[in-house]
Amino acid sequence: MNEAWTVEDSQLLLKLALDYKLDWKKVGRKFKNLGKNVTPAFLRCKYKQIKPQYAAKNETLNELHDSKLADLIGKYGEDWESISVEMGHMDPIKLRNRFFSQIKRKICPNK
């Protein structure tokens, strides 16, 4: 990225990350429409920098977490930010990956 990252960019990133449920490609398109040439990977990394509670929660997920995660998915759907808050601000990306790599396979083994 050639332009300097501003406080306004950080605020917009936090808003768009919530609005688009951490879909970094969609967030990147919005930034591109505003003249900011950034990649989804850059946005994800920047988001983790400005949301330090996610980096601090580097807890390994286990079967106890899986049960709670499955319950919260029933409550919130795939709203990973809301689920993250309920799970003690664990990284929403880590929760999403755990769901798709472990829990969904158990629930729907043929899909």
PDB file of N, CA and C in Angstrom:
ATOM      1  N   MET A   1       0.850  -1.178   0.000  1.00  0.00           N
ATOM      2  CA  MET A   1       0.000   0.000   0.000  1.00  0.00           C
ATOM      3  C   MET A   1       0.888   1.232   0.000  1.00  0.00           C
ATOM      4  N   ASN A   2       0.638   2.131  -0.929  1.00  0.00           N
ATOM      5  CA  ASN A   2       1.476   3.314  -1.076  1.00  0.00           C
ATOM      6  C   ASN A   2       1.064   4.446  -0.149  1.00  0.00           C
ATOM      7  N   GLU A   3      -0.241   4.571   0.105  1.00  0.00           N
ATOM      8  CA  GLU A   3      -0.716   5.658   0.950  1.00  0.00           C
ATOM      9  C   GLU A   3      -0.519   5.294   2.421  1.00  0.00           C
ATOM     10  N   ALA A   4      -0.427   6.317   3.245  1.00  0.00           N
ATOM     11  CA  ALA A   4      -0.305   6.084   4.686  1.00  0.00           C
ATOM     12  C   ALA A   4      -1.652   5.606   5.233  1.00  0.00           C
ATOM     13  N   TRP A   5      -1.599   4.698   6.183  1.00  0.00           N
ATOM     14  CA  TRP A   5      -2.812   4.194   6.842  1.00  0.00           C
ATOM     15  C   TRP A   5      -3.203   5.205   7.903  1.00  0.00           C
ATOM     16  N   THR A   6      -4.455   5.632   7.903  1.00  0.00           N
ATOM     17  CA  THR A   6      -4.908   6.679   8.823  1.00  0.00           C
ATOM     18  C   THR A   6      -5.810   6.096   9.911  1.00  0.00           C
ATOM     19  N   VAL A   7      -6.083   6.909  10.899  1.00  0.00           N
ATOM     20  CA  VAL A   7      -7.015   6.530  11.955  1.00  0.00           C
ATOM     21  C   VAL A   7      -8.403   6.298  11.356  1.00  0.00           C
ATOM     22  N   GLU A   8      -8.767   7.130  10.392  1.00  0.00           N
ATOM     23  CA  GLU A   8     -10.063   6.965   9.722  1.00  0.00           C
ATOM     24  C   GLU A   8     -10.138   5.630   8.991  1.00  0.00           C
ATOM     25  N   ASP A   9      -9.012   5.208   8.384  1.00  0.00           N
ATOM     26  CA  ASP A   9      -8.967   3.904   7.714  1.00  0.00           C
ATOM     27  C   ASP A   9      -9.192   2.782   8.719  1.00  0.00           C
ATOM     28  N   SER A  10      -8.588   2.919   9.886  1.00  0.00           N
ATOM     29  CA  SER A  10      -8.757   1.897  10.928  1.00  0.00           C
ATOM     30  C   SER A  10     -10.206   1.825  11.397  1.00  0.00           C
ATOM     31  N   GLN A  11     -10.823   2.989  11.589  1.00  0.00           N
ATOM     32  CA  GLN A  11     -12.221   3.017  12.008  1.00  0.00           C
ATOM     33  C   GLN A  11     -13.129   2.405  10.946  1.00  0.00           C
ATOM     34  N   LEU A  12     -12.846   2.712   9.689  1.00  0.00           N
ATOM     35  CA  LEU A  12     -13.629   2.149   8.591  1.00  0.00           C
ATOM     36  C   LEU A  12     -13.422   0.631   8.521  1.00  0.00           C
ATOM     37  N   LEU A  13     -12.200   0.187   8.713  1.00  0.00           N
ATOM     38  CA  LEU A  13     -11.911  -1.242   8.695  1.00  0.00           C
ATOM     39  C   LEU A  13     -12.699  -1.977   9.772  1.00  0.00           C
ATOM     40  N   LEU A  14     -12.735  -1.442  10.971  1.00  0.00           N
ATOM     41  CA  LEU A  14     -13.498  -2.072  12.057  1.00  0.00           C
ATOM     42  C   LEU A  14     -14.985  -2.147  11.708  1.00  0.00           C
ATOM     43  N   LYS A  15     -15.527  -1.086  11.139  1.00  0.00           N
ATOM     44  CA  LYS A  15     -16.941  -1.063  10.764  1.00  0.00           C
ATOM     45  C   LYS A  15     -17.224  -2.065   9.647  1.00  0.00           C
ATOM     46  N   LEU A  16     -16.413  -2.033   8.589  1.00  0.00           N
ATOM     47  CA  LEU A  16     -16.649  -2.928   7.460  1.00  0.00           C
ATOM     48  C   LEU A  16     -16.435  -4.390   7.835  1.00  0.00           C
ATOM     49  N   ALA A  17     -15.479  -4.658   8.704  1.00  0.00           N
ATOM     50  CA  ALA A  17     -15.244  -6.038   9.145  1.00  0.00           C
ATOM     51  C   ALA A  17     -16.493  -6.591   9.824  1.00  0.00           C
ATOM     52  N   LEU A  18     -17.159  -5.766  10.609  1.00  0.00           N
ATOM     53  CA  LEU A  18     -18.408  -6.187  11.249  1.00  0.00           C
ATOM     54  C   LEU A  18     -19.543  -6.287  10.233  1.00  0.00           C
ATOM     55  N   ASP A  19     -19.657  -5.285   9.376  1.00  0.00           N
ATOM     56  CA  ASP A  19     -20.739  -5.263   8.389  1.00  0.00           C
ATOM     57  C   ASP A  19     -20.679  -6.467   7.456  1.00  0.00           C
ATOM     58  N   TYR A  20     -19.464  -6.843   7.060  1.00  0.00           N
ATOM     59  CA  TYR A  20     -19.286  -7.936   6.105  1.00  0.00           C
ATOM     60  C   TYR A  20     -18.842  -9.239   6.770  1.00  0.00           C
ATOM     61  N   LYS A  21     -18.985  -9.307   8.085  1.00  0.00           N
ATOM     62  CA  LYS A  21     -18.711 -10.530   8.855  1.00  0.00           C
ATOM     63  C   LYS A  21     -17.350 -11.138   8.527  1.00  0.00           C
ATOM     64  N   LEU A  22     -16.336 -10.266   8.510  1.00  0.00           N
ATOM     65  CA  LEU A  22     -14.939 -10.648   8.304  1.00  0.00           C
ATOM     66  C   LEU A  22     -14.686 -11.261   6.929  1.00  0.00           C
ATOM     67  N   ASP A  23     -15.481 -10.899   5.943  1.00  0.00           N
ATOM     68  CA  ASP A  23     -15.233 -11.322   4.562  1.00  0.00           C
ATOM     69  C   ASP A  23     -14.265 -10.298   3.964  1.00  0.00           C
ATOM     70  N   TRP A  24     -12.981 -10.622   3.989  1.00  0.00           N
ATOM     71  CA  TRP A  24     -11.934  -9.664   3.656  1.00  0.00           C
ATOM     72  C   TRP A  24     -11.960  -9.268   2.181  1.00  0.00           C
ATOM     73  N   LYS A  25     -12.455 -10.136   1.304  1.00  0.00           N
ATOM     74  CA  LYS A  25     -12.566  -9.757  -0.112  1.00  0.00           C
ATOM     75  C   LYS A  25     -13.581  -8.628  -0.289  1.00  0.00           C
ATOM     76  N   LYS A  26     -14.720  -8.741   0.392  1.00  0.00           N
ATOM     77  CA  LYS A  26     -15.737  -7.692   0.308  1.00  0.00           C
ATOM     78  C   LYS A  26     -15.230  -6.396   0.928  1.00  0.00           C
ATOM     79  N   VAL A  27     -14.549  -6.515   2.059  1.00  0.00           N
ATOM     80  CA  VAL A  27     -13.990  -5.327   2.716  1.00  0.00           C
ATOM     81  C   VAL A  27     -12.962  -4.678   1.787  1.00  0.00           C
ATOM     82  N   GLY A  28     -12.145  -5.504   1.147  1.00  0.00           N
ATOM     83  CA  GLY A  28     -11.135  -4.994   0.216  1.00  0.00           C
ATOM     84  C   GLY A  28     -11.746  -4.248  -0.954  1.00  0.00           C
ATOM     85  N   ARG A  29     -12.874  -4.755  -1.466  1.00  0.00           N
ATOM     86  CA  ARG A  29     -13.560  -4.072  -2.577  1.00  0.00           C
ATOM     87  C   ARG A  29     -14.028  -2.684  -2.156  1.00  0.00           C
ATOM     88  N   LYS A  30     -14.531  -2.582  -0.919  1.00  0.00           N
ATOM     89  CA  LYS A  30     -14.982  -1.274  -0.428  1.00  0.00           C
ATOM     90  C   LYS A  30     -13.810  -0.295  -0.342  1.00  0.00           C
ATOM     91  N   PHE A  31     -12.669  -0.786   0.155  1.00  0.00           N
ATOM     92  CA  PHE A  31     -11.490   0.079   0.228  1.00  0.00           C
ATOM     93  C   PHE A  31     -11.020   0.464  -1.176  1.00  0.00           C
ATOM     94  N   LYS A  32     -11.086  -0.489  -2.113  1.00  0.00           N
ATOM     95  CA  LYS A  32     -10.686  -0.193  -3.490  1.00  0.00           C
ATOM     96  C   LYS A  32     -11.583   0.878  -4.089  1.00  0.00           C
ATOM     97  N   ASN A  33     -12.896   0.819  -3.799  1.00  0.00           N
ATOM     98  CA  ASN A  33     -13.825   1.848  -4.283  1.00  0.00           C
ATOM     99  C   ASN A  33     -13.479   3.227  -3.741  1.00  0.00           C
ATOM    100  N   LEU A  34     -12.803   3.250  -2.598  1.00  0.00           N
ATOM    101  CA  LEU A  34     -12.397   4.529  -1.991  1.00  0.00           C
ATOM    102  C   LEU A  34     -10.992   4.951  -2.425  1.00  0.00           C
ATOM    103  N   GLY A  35     -10.400   4.197  -3.349  1.00  0.00           N
ATOM    104  CA  GLY A  35      -9.075   4.552  -3.858  1.00  0.00           C
ATOM    105  C   GLY A  35      -7.919   3.983  -3.063  1.00  0.00           C
ATOM    106  N   LYS A  36      -8.195   3.052  -2.151  1.00  0.00           N
ATOM    107  CA  LYS A  36      -7.137   2.413  -1.364  1.00  0.00           C
ATOM    108  C   LYS A  36      -6.833   1.055  -1.985  1.00  0.00           C
ATOM    109  N   ASN A  37      -5.626   0.853  -2.420  1.00  0.00           N
ATOM    110  CA  ASN A  37      -5.234  -0.396  -3.043  1.00  0.00           C
ATOM    111  C   ASN A  37      -4.638  -1.317  -1.975  1.00  0.00           C
ATOM    112  N   VAL A  38      -5.493  -2.125  -1.350  1.00  0.00           N
ATOM    113  CA  VAL A  38      -5.067  -3.024  -0.280  1.00  0.00           C
ATOM    114  C   VAL A  38      -5.561  -4.437  -0.584  1.00  0.00           C
ATOM    115  N   THR A  39      -4.836  -5.416  -0.085  1.00  0.00           N
ATOM    116  CA  THR A  39      -5.228  -6.809  -0.296  1.00  0.00           C
ATOM    117  C   THR A  39      -6.055  -7.301   0.885  1.00  0.00           C
ATOM    118  N   PRO A  40      -6.845  -8.351   0.677  1.00  0.00           N
ATOM    119  CA  PRO A  40      -7.577  -8.936   1.800  1.00  0.00           C
ATOM    120  C   PRO A  40      -6.641  -9.385   2.937  1.00  0.00           C
ATOM    121  N   ALA A  41      -5.484  -9.937   2.580  1.00  0.00           N
ATOM    122  CA  ALA A  41      -4.527 -10.380   3.608  1.00  0.00           C
ATOM    123  C   ALA A  41      -4.029  -9.194   4.440  1.00  0.00           C
ATOM    124  N   PHE A  42      -3.749  -8.065   3.783  1.00  0.00           N
ATOM    125  CA  PHE A  42      -3.318  -6.868   4.503  1.00  0.00           C
ATOM    126  C   PHE A  42      -4.401  -6.415   5.474  1.00  0.00           C
ATOM    127  N   LEU A  43      -5.659  -6.415   5.007  1.00  0.00           N
ATOM    128  CA  LEU A  43      -6.764  -5.967   5.853  1.00  0.00           C
ATOM    129  C   LEU A  43      -6.944  -6.876   7.064  1.00  0.00           C
ATOM    130  N   ARG A  44      -6.844  -8.184   6.857  1.00  0.00           N
ATOM    131  CA  ARG A  44      -6.965  -9.123   7.969  1.00  0.00           C
ATOM    132  C   ARG A  44      -5.853  -8.883   8.989  1.00  0.00           C
ATOM    133  N   CYS A  45      -4.633  -8.703   8.498  1.00  0.00           N
ATOM    134  CA  CYS A  45      -3.495  -8.454   9.398  1.00  0.00           C
ATOM    135  C   CYS A  45      -3.675  -7.138  10.152  1.00  0.00           C
ATOM    136  N   LYS A  46      -4.086  -6.103   9.455  1.00  0.00           N
ATOM    137  CA  LYS A  46      -4.298  -4.798  10.087  1.00  0.00           C
ATOM    138  C   LYS A  46      -5.412  -4.883  11.127  1.00  0.00           C
ATOM    139  N   TYR A  47      -6.467  -5.640  10.800  1.00  0.00           N
ATOM    140  CA  TYR A  47      -7.576  -5.823  11.739  1.00  0.00           C
ATOM    141  C   TYR A  47      -7.075  -6.463  13.034  1.00  0.00           C
ATOM    142  N   LYS A  48      -6.239  -7.464  12.904  1.00  0.00           N
ATOM    143  CA  LYS A  48      -5.711  -8.116  14.105  1.00  0.00           C
ATOM    144  C   LYS A  48      -4.809  -7.172  14.901  1.00  0.00           C
ATOM    145  N   GLN A  49      -4.123  -6.268  14.222  1.00  0.00           N
ATOM    146  CA  GLN A  49      -3.283  -5.300  14.922  1.00  0.00           C
ATOM    147  C   GLN A  49      -4.112  -4.312  15.724  1.00  0.00           C
ATOM    148  N   ILE A  50      -5.236  -3.891  15.162  1.00  0.00           N
ATOM    149  CA  ILE A  50      -6.039  -2.887  15.861  1.00  0.00           C
ATOM    150  C   ILE A  50      -7.068  -3.520  16.785  1.00  0.00           C
ATOM    151  N   LYS A  51      -7.220  -4.822  16.756  1.00  0.00           N
ATOM    152  CA  LYS A  51      -8.080  -5.560  17.677  1.00  0.00           C
ATOM    153  C   LYS A  51      -7.190  -6.511  18.489  1.00  0.00           C
ATOM    154  N   PRO A  52      -6.364  -5.972  19.362  1.00  0.00           N
ATOM    155  CA  PRO A  52      -5.362  -6.796  20.038  1.00  0.00           C
ATOM    156  C   PRO A  52      -5.929  -7.893  20.920  1.00  0.00           C
ATOM    157  N   GLN A  53      -7.184  -7.793  21.345  1.00  0.00           N
ATOM    158  CA  GLN A  53      -7.714  -8.850  22.197  1.00  0.00           C
ATOM    159  C   GLN A  53      -7.749 -10.185  21.450  1.00  0.00           C
ATOM    160  N   TYR A  54      -7.830 -10.153  20.113  1.00  0.00           N
ATOM    161  CA  TYR A  54      -7.834 -11.401  19.358  1.00  0.00           C
ATOM    162  C   TYR A  54      -6.451 -12.041  19.376  1.00  0.00           C
ATOM    163  N   ALA A  55      -5.427 -11.233  19.221  1.00  0.00           N
ATOM    164  CA  ALA A  55      -4.074 -11.760  19.243  1.00  0.00           C
ATOM    165  C   ALA A  55      -3.732 -12.313  20.625  1.00  0.00           C
ATOM    166  N   ALA A  56      -4.285 -11.697  21.658  1.00  0.00           N
ATOM    167  CA  ALA A  56      -4.001 -12.140  23.025  1.00  0.00           C
ATOM    168  C   ALA A  56      -4.672 -13.466  23.355  1.00  0.00           C
ATOM    169  N   LYS A  57      -5.742 -13.790  22.674  1.00  0.00           N
ATOM    170  CA  LYS A  57      -6.473 -15.033  22.930  1.00  0.00           C
ATOM    171  C   LYS A  57      -5.988 -16.120  21.986  1.00  0.00           C
ATOM    172  N   ASN A  58      -4.827 -16.657  22.268  1.00  0.00           N
ATOM    173  CA  ASN A  58      -4.249 -17.682  21.415  1.00  0.00           C
ATOM    174  C   ASN A  58      -4.502 -19.061  22.011  1.00  0.00           C
ATOM    175  N   GLU A  59      -5.679 -19.230  22.549  1.00  0.00           N
ATOM    176  CA  GLU A  59      -6.046 -20.461  23.221  1.00  0.00           C
ATOM    177  C   GLU A  59      -6.353 -21.553  22.197  1.00  0.00           C
ATOM    178  N   THR A  60      -5.906 -22.771  22.484  1.00  0.00           N
ATOM    179  CA  THR A  60      -6.196 -23.901  21.618  1.00  0.00           C
ATOM    180  C   THR A  60      -7.621 -24.365  21.864  1.00  0.00           C
ATOM    181  N   LEU A  61      -8.342 -24.577  20.773  1.00  0.00           N
ATOM    182  CA  LEU A  61      -9.723 -25.027  20.885  1.00  0.00           C
ATOM    183  C   LEU A  61      -9.768 -26.534  21.110  1.00  0.00           C
ATOM    184  N   ASN A  62     -10.717 -26.979  21.924  1.00  0.00           N
ATOM    185  CA  ASN A  62     -10.865 -28.404  22.200  1.00  0.00           C
ATOM    186  C   ASN A  62     -12.339 -28.785  22.103  1.00  0.00           C
ATOM    187  N   GLU A  63     -12.668 -30.005  22.494  1.00  0.00           N
ATOM    188  CA  GLU A  63     -14.046 -30.479  22.352  1.00  0.00           C
ATOM    189  C   GLU A  63     -15.035 -29.707  23.227  1.00  0.00           C
ATOM    190  N   LEU A  64     -14.580 -29.188  24.362  1.00  0.00           N
ATOM    191  CA  LEU A  64     -15.466 -28.361  25.191  1.00  0.00           C
ATOM    192  C   LEU A  64     -15.846 -27.075  24.447  1.00  0.00           C
ATOM    193  N   HIS A  65     -14.858 -26.493  23.778  1.00  0.00           N
ATOM    194  CA  HIS A  65     -15.138 -25.312  22.971  1.00  0.00           C
ATOM    195  C   HIS A  65     -16.068 -25.661  21.810  1.00  0.00           C
ATOM    196  N   ASP A  66     -15.874 -26.839  21.221  1.00  0.00           N
ATOM    197  CA  ASP A  66     -16.698 -27.261  20.086  1.00  0.00           C
ATOM    198  C   ASP A  66     -18.175 -27.284  20.460  1.00  0.00           C
ATOM    199  N   SER A  67     -18.477 -27.779  21.624  1.00  0.00           N
ATOM    200  CA  SER A  67     -19.861 -27.865  22.071  1.00  0.00           C
ATOM    201  C   SER A  67     -20.468 -26.469  22.207  1.00  0.00           C
ATOM    202  N   LYS A  68     -19.742 -25.577  22.855  1.00  0.00           N
ATOM    203  CA  LYS A  68     -20.227 -24.211  23.028  1.00  0.00           C
ATOM    204  C   LYS A  68     -20.333 -23.509  21.675  1.00  0.00           C
ATOM    205  N   LEU A  69     -19.349 -23.739  20.817  1.00  0.00           N
ATOM    206  CA  LEU A  69     -19.357 -23.129  19.488  1.00  0.00           C
ATOM    207  C   LEU A  69     -20.563 -23.599  18.682  1.00  0.00           C
ATOM    208  N   ALA A  70     -20.866 -24.883  18.735  1.00  0.00           N
ATOM    209  CA  ALA A  70     -22.025 -25.420  18.015  1.00  0.00           C
ATOM    210  C   ALA A  70     -23.320 -24.779  18.538  1.00  0.00           C
ATOM    211  N   ASP A  71     -23.438 -24.612  19.842  1.00  0.00           N
ATOM    212  CA  ASP A  71     -24.620 -23.965  20.422  1.00  0.00           C
ATOM    213  C   ASP A  71     -24.750 -22.516  19.946  1.00  0.00           C
ATOM    214  N   LEU A  72     -23.617 -21.805  19.927  1.00  0.00           N
ATOM    215  CA  LEU A  72     -23.646 -20.395  19.526  1.00  0.00           C
ATOM    216  C   LEU A  72     -23.940 -20.243  18.034  1.00  0.00           C
ATOM    217  N   ILE A  73     -23.507 -21.190  17.227  1.00  0.00           N
ATOM    218  CA  ILE A  73     -23.828 -21.146  15.802  1.00  0.00           C
ATOM    219  C   ILE A  73     -25.333 -21.331  15.629  1.00  0.00           C
ATOM    220  N   GLY A  74     -25.933 -22.167  16.467  1.00  0.00           N
ATOM    221  CA  GLY A  74     -27.382 -22.304  16.447  1.00  0.00           C
ATOM    222  C   GLY A  74     -28.075 -20.998  16.808  1.00  0.00           C
ATOM    223  N   LYS A  75     -27.458 -20.225  17.685  1.00  0.00           N
ATOM    224  CA  LYS A  75     -28.052 -18.960  18.137  1.00  0.00           C
ATOM    225  C   LYS A  75     -27.788 -17.810  17.159  1.00  0.00           C
ATOM    226  N   TYR A  76     -26.538 -17.683  16.664  1.00  0.00           N
ATOM    227  CA  TYR A  76     -26.127 -16.531  15.860  1.00  0.00           C
ATOM    228  C   TYR A  76     -25.929 -16.841  14.374  1.00  0.00           C
ATOM    229  N   GLY A  77     -26.013 -18.106  13.988  1.00  0.00           N
ATOM    230  CA  GLY A  77     -25.668 -18.449  12.608  1.00  0.00           C
ATOM    231  C   GLY A  77     -24.166 -18.295  12.428  1.00  0.00           C
ATOM    232  N   GLU A  78     -23.744 -17.774  11.304  1.00  0.00           N
ATOM    233  CA  GLU A  78     -22.318 -17.598  11.041  1.00  0.00           C
ATOM    234  C   GLU A  78     -21.873 -16.157  11.298  1.00  0.00           C
ATOM    235  N   ASP A  79     -22.408 -15.539  12.334  1.00  0.00           N
ATOM    236  CA  ASP A  79     -21.993 -14.201  12.751  1.00  0.00           C
ATOM    237  C   ASP A  79     -20.806 -14.384  13.693  1.00  0.00           C
ATOM    238  N   TRP A  80     -19.630 -14.516  13.106  1.00  0.00           N
ATOM    239  CA  TRP A  80     -18.424 -14.892  13.862  1.00  0.00           C
ATOM    240  C   TRP A  80     -18.029 -13.842  14.883  1.00  0.00           C
ATOM    241  N   GLU A  81     -18.323 -12.592  14.619  1.00  0.00           N
ATOM    242  CA  GLU A  81     -17.986 -11.528  15.578  1.00  0.00           C
ATOM    243  C   GLU A  81     -18.797 -11.690  16.864  1.00  0.00           C
ATOM    244  N   SER A  82     -20.097 -11.947  16.736  1.00  0.00           N
ATOM    245  CA  SER A  82     -20.950 -12.149  17.915  1.00  0.00           C
ATOM    246  C   SER A  82     -20.542 -13.410  18.671  1.00  0.00           C
ATOM    247  N   ILE A  83     -20.238 -14.449  17.921  1.00  0.00           N
ATOM    248  CA  ILE A  83     -19.797 -15.701  18.542  1.00  0.00           C
ATOM    249  C   ILE A  83     -18.491 -15.472  19.278  1.00  0.00           C
ATOM    250  N   SER A  84     -17.600 -14.692  18.683  1.00  0.00           N
ATOM    251  CA  SER A  84     -16.306 -14.384  19.303  1.00  0.00           C
ATOM    252  C   SER A  84     -16.493 -13.701  20.657  1.00  0.00           C
ATOM    253  N   VAL A  85     -17.424 -12.767  20.726  1.00  0.00           N
ATOM    254  CA  VAL A  85     -17.688 -12.061  21.988  1.00  0.00           C
ATOM    255  C   VAL A  85     -18.160 -13.065  23.047  1.00  0.00           C
ATOM    256  N   GLU A  86     -19.078 -13.943  22.659  1.00  0.00           N
ATOM    257  CA  GLU A  86     -19.607 -14.950  23.595  1.00  0.00           C
ATOM    258  C   GLU A  86     -18.530 -15.945  24.036  1.00  0.00           C
ATOM    259  N   MET A  87     -17.536 -16.163  23.177  1.00  0.00           N
ATOM    260  CA  MET A  87     -16.475 -17.125  23.482  1.00  0.00           C
ATOM    261  C   MET A  87     -15.278 -16.446  24.158  1.00  0.00           C
ATOM    262  N   GLY A  88     -15.475 -15.268  24.702  1.00  0.00           N
ATOM    263  CA  GLY A  88     -14.397 -14.580  25.414  1.00  0.00           C
ATOM    264  C   GLY A  88     -13.426 -13.879  24.488  1.00  0.00           C
ATOM    265  N   HIS A  89     -13.944 -13.331  23.392  1.00  0.00           N
ATOM    266  CA  HIS A  89     -13.148 -12.590  22.410  1.00  0.00           C
ATOM    267  C   HIS A  89     -12.064 -13.447  21.769  1.00  0.00           C
ATOM    268  N   MET A  90     -12.378 -14.700  21.524  1.00  0.00           N
ATOM    269  CA  MET A  90     -11.449 -15.533  20.761  1.00  0.00           C
ATOM    270  C   MET A  90     -11.468 -15.056  19.316  1.00  0.00           C
ATOM    271  N   ASP A  91     -10.414 -15.305  18.614  1.00  0.00           N
ATOM    272  CA  ASP A  91     -10.270 -14.870  17.228  1.00  0.00           C
ATOM    273  C   ASP A  91     -11.414 -15.439  16.386  1.00  0.00           C
ATOM    274  N   PRO A  92     -12.229 -14.568  15.766  1.00  0.00           N
ATOM    275  CA  PRO A  92     -13.363 -15.061  14.988  1.00  0.00           C
ATOM    276  C   PRO A  92     -12.940 -15.929  13.804  1.00  0.00           C
ATOM    277  N   ILE A  93     -11.781 -15.648  13.255  1.00  0.00           N
ATOM    278  CA  ILE A  93     -11.294 -16.463  12.136  1.00  0.00           C
ATOM    279  C   ILE A  93     -10.951 -17.868  12.625  1.00  0.00           C
ATOM    280  N   LYS A  94     -10.345 -17.944  13.784  1.00  0.00           N
ATOM    281  CA  LYS A  94     -10.024 -19.245  14.360  1.00  0.00           C
ATOM    282  C   LYS A  94     -11.294 -20.037  14.650  1.00  0.00           C
ATOM    283  N   LEU A  95     -12.319 -19.361  15.142  1.00  0.00           N
ATOM    284  CA  LEU A  95     -13.597 -20.026  15.417  1.00  0.00           C
ATOM    285  C   LEU A  95     -14.249 -20.525  14.128  1.00  0.00           C
ATOM    286  N   ARG A  96     -14.238 -19.678  13.111  1.00  0.00           N
ATOM    287  CA  ARG A  96     -14.812 -20.079  11.817  1.00  0.00           C
ATOM    288  C   ARG A  96     -14.074 -21.290  11.250  1.00  0.00           C
ATOM    289  N   ASN A  97     -12.748 -21.237  11.292  1.00  0.00           N
ATOM    290  CA  ASN A  97     -11.964 -22.358  10.768  1.00  0.00           C
ATOM    291  C   ASN A  97     -12.219 -23.635  11.550  1.00  0.00           C
ATOM    292  N   ARG A  98     -12.347 -23.518  12.857  1.00  0.00           N
ATOM    293  CA  ARG A  98     -12.635 -24.690  13.682  1.00  0.00           C
ATOM    294  C   ARG A  98     -13.994 -25.282  13.305  1.00  0.00           C
ATOM    295  N   PHE A  99     -14.978 -24.413  13.085  1.00  0.00           N
ATOM    296  CA  PHE A  99     -16.297 -24.894  12.709  1.00  0.00           C
ATOM    297  C   PHE A  99     -16.235 -25.677  11.397  1.00  0.00           C
ATOM    298  N   PHE A 100     -15.613 -25.097  10.382  1.00  0.00           N
ATOM    299  CA  PHE A 100     -15.602 -25.758   9.082  1.00  0.00           C
ATOM    300  C   PHE A 100     -14.679 -26.971   9.042  1.00  0.00           C
ATOM    301  N   SER A 101     -13.610 -26.979   9.834  1.00  0.00           N
ATOM    302  CA  SER A 101     -12.677 -28.108   9.780  1.00  0.00           C
ATOM    303  C   SER A 101     -13.046 -29.248  10.721  1.00  0.00           C
ATOM    304  N   GLN A 102     -13.776 -28.976  11.793  1.00  0.00           N
ATOM    305  CA  GLN A 102     -14.061 -30.016  12.782  1.00  0.00           C
ATOM    306  C   GLN A 102     -15.555 -30.251  13.009  1.00  0.00           C
ATOM    307  N   ILE A 103     -16.254 -29.217  13.381  1.00  0.00           N
ATOM    308  CA  ILE A 103     -17.639 -29.369  13.833  1.00  0.00           C
ATOM    309  C   ILE A 103     -18.571 -29.706  12.674  1.00  0.00           C
ATOM    310  N   LYS A 104     -18.474 -28.971  11.574  1.00  0.00           N
ATOM    311  CA  LYS A 104     -19.376 -29.209  10.452  1.00  0.00           C
ATOM    312  C   LYS A 104     -19.188 -30.624   9.894  1.00  0.00           C
ATOM    313  N   ARG A 105     -17.955 -31.122   9.909  1.00  0.00           N
ATOM    314  CA  ARG A 105     -17.687 -32.491   9.442  1.00  0.00           C
ATOM    315  C   ARG A 105     -18.418 -33.521  10.295  1.00  0.00           C
ATOM    316  N   LYS A 106     -18.509 -33.267  11.589  1.00  0.00           N
ATOM    317  CA  LYS A 106     -19.201 -34.183  12.487  1.00  0.00           C
ATOM    318  C   LYS A 106     -20.708 -34.123  12.286  1.00  0.00           C
ATOM    319  N   ILE A 107     -21.217 -32.906  12.060  1.00  0.00           N
ATOM    320  CA  ILE A 107     -22.655 -32.726  11.903  1.00  0.00           C
ATOM    321  C   ILE A 107     -23.124 -33.212  10.529  1.00  0.00           C
ATOM    322  N   CYS A 108     -22.380 -32.858   9.496  1.00  0.00           N
ATOM    323  CA  CYS A 108     -22.753 -33.194   8.113  1.00  0.00           C
ATOM    324  C   CYS A 108     -21.579 -33.916   7.439  1.00  0.00           C
ATOM    325  N   PRO A 109     -21.326 -35.183   7.737  1.00  0.00           N
ATOM    326  CA  PRO A 109     -20.135 -35.859   7.229  1.00  0.00           C
ATOM    327  C   PRO A 109     -20.085 -36.017   5.713  1.00  0.00           C
ATOM    328  N   ASN A 110     -21.202 -35.976   5.020  1.00  0.00           N
ATOM    329  CA  ASN A 110     -21.212 -36.178   3.570  1.00  0.00           C
ATOM    330  C   ASN A 110     -21.095 -34.879   2.774  1.00  0.00           C
ATOM    331  N   LYS A 111     -21.077 -33.732   3.426  1.00  0.00           N
ATOM    332  CA  LYS A 111     -21.025 -32.452   2.710  1.00  0.00           C
ATOM    333  C   LYS A 111     -19.637 -31.888   2.719  1.00  0.00           C
TER     334      LYS A 111
END
